[in-house]
Amino acid sequence: MAMPAVIPSPSPNADERPAGQAVDLLLLHYTGMPSGAEALARLCDPAARVSAHYLVEEDGRVFALVPEDRRAWHAGVSSWRGARDINARSIGVELVNPGHEFGYRPFPQAQMASLVALAQDILARWPIPPARVLGHADVAPARKQDPGELFDWRGLAADGIGLWPPAAPSLRPVADPGDALARLGYDVDGAGLQACATAFQRHWRPQRTDGVLDAADCAVLAWLLDHSGARGDL
């Protein structure tokens, strides 16, 4: 898929990545603001102290805010597999969407097409494993819901970006779902089991987001552990 033209919109909200820090995570967000113009202005406002590497508008326009070799400020207080400075090791992409507060809606085809092209371009430059293409809610489950249950993770994985389980993975018992979620990467000790289970469902089982893992959820969880190098004993 052809990479769309990128519109420079430099943000001052960035700093150097720690020396020797690998970039091994792609983190997707929604903006959660009434309009894309407001979101872009905030991401470039030095007083806001937030940014991302890219912003993708609903019409497919892509704005470049922070060079990929610098640390953008998008993840906030977050964790994945015990790592706390998610900004240091990630590329952050914001998708314009009002979010749950201002009228959450599906992500348009033009926006998703641009995201696919952008993400493929990023993955060609950085050794980011499929299991580390994540949403903001995955790394901050007690605080965030984005990009949420309407985001097309399945379609993204079909284009080689991230993981998506088969329609009916084999049902396998998971003796301790909290431990399994923690081994996958979730901060169960810090955010709590229900918040992490809800974030898991928003990403991989979006038809239900009640924070209670049933047998089908656990089958998906087991499949993900198998395909992320974190299975161990279930």
Protein backbone atom coordinates (compact mmCIF):
# COMPACT_ATOMS: atom_id res chain seq x y z
CA MET A 1 0.00 0.00 0.00
CA ALA A 2 1.39 3.39 -0.99
CA MET A 3 2.46 5.67 1.80
CA PRO A 4 0.36 8.87 1.82
CA ALA A 5 2.05 12.24 1.68
CA VAL A 6 3.14 13.30 5.15
CA ILE A 7 2.40 16.85 6.27
CA PRO A 8 5.11 18.31 8.52
CA SER A 9 3.71 19.74 11.75
CA PRO A 10 6.62 19.80 14.19
CA SER A 11 5.87 19.53 17.88
CA PRO A 12 8.29 20.85 20.51
CA ASN A 13 7.10 18.18 22.94
CA ALA A 14 9.87 15.60 22.61
CA ASP A 15 13.30 14.73 23.90
CA GLU A 16 16.14 12.30 23.25
CA ARG A 17 15.58 8.59 23.65
CA PRO A 18 17.83 7.02 26.30
CA ALA A 19 21.17 5.93 24.86
CA GLY A 20 21.02 2.40 23.53
CA GLN A 21 17.25 2.08 23.92
CA ALA A 22 15.69 -0.11 21.23
CA VAL A 23 12.41 0.88 19.60
CA ASP A 24 10.32 -2.27 19.89
CA LEU A 25 6.71 -1.15 20.32
CA LEU A 26 4.11 0.58 18.12
CA LEU A 27 1.44 2.27 20.23
CA LEU A 28 -1.89 3.37 18.76
CA HIS A 29 -4.20 5.98 20.32
CA TYR A 30 -7.33 7.91 19.56
CA THR A 31 -7.22 11.65 20.14
CA GLY A 32 -10.39 11.80 22.26
CA MET A 33 -11.10 15.42 21.35
CA PRO A 34 -14.02 17.01 19.45
CA SER A 35 -11.96 17.69 16.29
CA GLY A 36 -8.71 16.82 14.61
CA ALA A 37 -7.70 20.49 14.47
CA GLU A 38 -8.01 20.77 18.24
CA ALA A 39 -6.02 17.59 18.73
CA LEU A 40 -3.24 18.72 16.40
CA ALA A 41 -3.03 22.08 18.15
CA ARG A 42 -2.75 20.42 21.55
CA LEU A 43 -0.10 17.95 20.39
CA CYS A 44 1.97 20.90 19.20
CA ASP A 45 1.33 23.17 22.19
CA PRO A 46 4.42 23.36 24.45
CA ALA A 47 2.18 24.04 27.44
CA ALA A 48 0.34 20.74 26.95
CA ARG A 49 3.53 18.64 27.13
CA VAL A 50 2.00 15.86 25.03
CA SER A 51 2.81 14.70 21.51
CA ALA A 52 3.02 11.70 19.22
CA HIS A 53 5.18 10.84 16.26
CA TYR A 54 2.22 10.95 13.88
CA LEU A 55 -1.42 11.99 13.74
CA VAL A 56 -3.79 10.43 11.18
CA GLU A 57 -6.92 12.43 10.31
CA GLU A 58 -10.26 10.79 9.51
CA ASP A 59 -9.87 11.82 5.87
CA GLY A 60 -6.52 9.99 5.68
CA ARG A 61 -4.13 12.93 5.99
CA VAL A 62 -0.99 12.09 7.95
CA PHE A 63 0.83 14.70 10.04
CA ALA A 64 4.42 14.16 11.20
CA LEU A 65 4.97 15.73 14.61
CA VAL A 66 8.12 14.17 16.12
CA PRO A 67 11.03 12.43 14.33
CA GLU A 68 11.02 8.71 15.01
CA ASP A 69 14.50 8.76 16.52
CA ARG A 70 13.25 11.07 19.31
CA ARG A 71 10.99 10.27 22.26
CA ALA A 72 7.47 11.62 21.84
CA TRP A 73 5.29 12.10 24.92
CA HIS A 74 2.19 10.03 24.28
CA ALA A 75 1.98 7.04 26.65
CA GLY A 76 2.03 8.77 30.04
CA VAL A 77 2.08 6.52 33.11
CA SER A 78 2.17 3.12 31.46
CA SER A 79 3.68 -0.35 31.55
CA TRP A 80 4.15 -3.41 29.36
CA ARG A 81 5.99 -6.54 30.43
CA GLY A 82 7.44 -4.63 33.34
CA ALA A 83 8.85 -1.74 31.26
CA ARG A 84 7.63 1.61 32.60
CA ASP A 85 9.04 4.15 30.14
CA ILE A 86 6.90 3.16 27.18
CA ASN A 87 7.65 6.47 25.44
CA ALA A 88 11.34 5.60 25.34
CA ARG A 89 10.79 2.40 23.36
CA SER A 90 7.77 3.17 21.18
CA ILE A 91 6.49 4.95 18.11
CA GLY A 92 3.21 6.68 18.93
CA VAL A 93 0.40 7.22 16.40
CA GLU A 94 -2.70 9.26 17.21
CA LEU A 95 -5.90 8.60 15.24
CA VAL A 96 -8.42 11.42 15.12
CA ASN A 97 -11.59 10.18 16.81
CA PRO A 98 -13.80 11.94 19.40
CA GLY A 99 -13.42 8.96 21.71
CA HIS A 100 -15.80 7.73 24.35
CA GLU A 101 -16.23 11.19 25.88
CA PHE A 102 -17.24 13.11 22.76
CA GLY A 103 -19.09 10.60 20.56
CA TYR A 104 -17.01 7.52 19.84
CA ARG A 105 -17.46 6.24 16.30
CA PRO A 106 -15.89 3.76 13.86
CA PHE A 107 -12.63 4.69 12.20
CA PRO A 108 -13.22 5.62 8.52
CA GLN A 109 -11.79 3.55 5.68
CA ALA A 110 -9.57 6.41 4.47
CA GLN A 111 -8.07 6.78 7.93
CA MET A 112 -7.43 3.06 8.30
CA ALA A 113 -5.87 2.84 4.83
CA SER A 114 -3.43 5.61 5.73
CA LEU A 115 -2.69 3.96 9.07
CA VAL A 116 -1.92 0.65 7.35
CA ALA A 117 0.50 2.32 4.95
CA LEU A 118 2.11 4.34 7.75
CA ALA A 119 2.44 1.35 10.08
CA GLN A 120 3.92 -0.83 7.33
CA ASP A 121 6.44 1.93 6.67
CA ILE A 122 7.32 2.15 10.38
CA LEU A 123 7.65 -1.63 10.73
CA ALA A 124 10.00 -1.73 7.75
CA ARG A 125 12.38 0.55 9.68
CA TRP A 126 12.07 -0.77 13.23
CA PRO A 127 12.19 -4.38 14.53
CA ILE A 128 8.79 -4.30 16.25
CA PRO A 129 7.30 -7.78 16.80
CA PRO A 130 3.60 -8.29 15.99
CA ALA A 131 2.84 -8.92 19.67
CA ARG A 132 4.09 -5.42 20.47
CA VAL A 133 1.64 -3.53 18.26
CA LEU A 134 -0.63 -2.31 21.04
CA GLY A 135 -3.25 0.21 22.05
CA HIS A 136 -2.96 2.87 24.71
CA ALA A 137 -5.43 0.95 26.88
CA ASP A 138 -3.14 -2.09 26.83
CA VAL A 139 -0.29 -0.20 28.47
CA ALA A 140 -2.46 2.04 30.69
CA PRO A 141 -5.58 -0.03 31.41
CA ALA A 142 -6.61 1.83 34.56
CA ARG A 143 -6.58 5.20 32.76
CA LYS A 144 -7.29 4.70 29.07
CA GLN A 145 -9.79 3.07 26.70
CA ASP A 146 -8.25 3.91 23.33
CA PRO A 147 -8.29 3.12 20.54
CA GLY A 148 -11.26 1.13 21.82
CA GLU A 149 -13.62 -1.62 20.82
CA LEU A 150 -14.54 -0.07 17.43
CA PHE A 151 -10.96 -0.09 16.19
CA ASP A 152 -10.30 -2.66 13.45
CA TRP A 153 -7.44 -4.67 14.94
CA ARG A 154 -8.49 -7.67 12.84
CA GLY A 155 -8.12 -5.74 9.59
CA LEU A 156 -4.80 -4.32 10.70
CA ALA A 157 -3.44 -7.80 11.41
CA ALA A 158 -4.64 -8.99 8.00
CA ASP A 159 -2.27 -6.39 6.55
CA GLY A 160 0.63 -7.74 8.60
CA ILE A 161 0.38 -5.32 11.52
CA GLY A 162 -0.09 -6.86 14.96
CA LEU A 163 -1.67 -10.14 16.04
CA TRP A 164 -5.20 -11.42 15.63
CA PRO A 165 -6.37 -14.88 16.75
CA PRO A 166 -8.24 -17.33 14.52
CA ALA A 167 -12.01 -17.27 14.64
CA ALA A 168 -12.19 -20.16 17.11
CA PRO A 169 -8.88 -20.85 18.83
CA SER A 170 -8.73 -24.16 20.68
CA LEU A 171 -10.35 -23.96 24.07
CA ARG A 172 -7.62 -24.46 26.64
CA PRO A 173 -7.99 -23.91 30.36
CA VAL A 174 -6.12 -21.00 31.91
CA ALA A 175 -5.67 -21.77 35.59
CA ASP A 176 -4.88 -18.18 36.59
CA PRO A 177 -6.12 -15.54 34.13
CA GLY A 178 -4.45 -12.74 36.08
CA ASP A 179 -1.07 -14.44 35.83
CA ALA A 180 -1.63 -15.14 32.13
CA LEU A 181 -2.53 -11.48 31.48
CA ALA A 182 0.59 -10.40 33.35
CA ARG A 183 2.77 -12.74 31.30
CA LEU A 184 1.27 -11.36 28.13
CA GLY A 185 2.31 -7.89 29.31
CA TYR A 186 -0.50 -6.28 31.30
CA ASP A 187 0.25 -4.49 34.58
CA VAL A 188 -2.15 -6.58 36.65
CA ASP A 189 -0.48 -5.74 39.96
CA GLY A 190 -0.66 -2.00 39.31
CA ALA A 191 -3.93 -1.60 37.39
CA GLY A 192 -5.94 -4.50 38.76
CA LEU A 193 -7.34 -7.61 37.13
CA GLN A 194 -10.66 -6.16 35.94
CA ALA A 195 -9.07 -3.13 34.24
CA CYS A 196 -6.53 -5.34 32.49
CA ALA A 197 -9.17 -7.88 31.46
CA THR A 198 -11.33 -5.07 30.05
CA ALA A 199 -8.39 -3.66 28.07
CA PHE A 200 -7.63 -7.16 26.79
CA GLN A 201 -11.23 -7.54 25.64
CA ARG A 202 -11.29 -4.12 23.96
CA HIS A 203 -8.31 -5.21 21.86
CA TRP A 204 -8.88 -8.91 21.17
CA ARG A 205 -12.53 -9.67 22.13
CA PRO A 206 -14.35 -6.38 21.42
CA GLN A 207 -17.82 -7.94 21.41
CA ARG A 208 -17.70 -7.94 25.23
CA THR A 209 -15.88 -5.53 27.53
CA ASP A 210 -17.14 -6.42 30.99
CA GLY A 211 -13.75 -7.28 32.45
CA VAL A 212 -14.79 -10.87 33.22
CA LEU A 213 -12.82 -13.43 31.21
CA ASP A 214 -14.91 -16.36 29.97
CA ALA A 215 -13.68 -19.57 28.34
CA ALA A 216 -13.52 -17.97 24.88
CA ASP A 217 -11.52 -15.04 26.25
CA CYS A 218 -9.10 -17.47 27.89
CA ALA A 219 -8.72 -19.38 24.62
CA VAL A 220 -7.71 -16.15 22.89
CA LEU A 221 -5.37 -15.33 25.77
CA ALA A 222 -3.71 -18.75 25.51
CA TRP A 223 -3.31 -18.31 21.74
CA LEU A 224 -1.72 -14.90 22.22
CA LEU A 225 0.72 -16.28 24.78
CA ASP A 226 1.68 -19.00 22.30
CA HIS A 227 2.31 -16.40 19.60
CA SER A 228 4.12 -13.83 21.71
CA GLY A 229 6.79 -16.02 23.27
CA ALA A 230 5.29 -15.69 26.72
CA ARG A 231 3.30 -18.90 27.17
CA GLY A 232 5.06 -20.84 29.92
CA ASP A 233 2.68 -23.02 31.94
CA LEU A 234 -0.98 -22.07 31.82
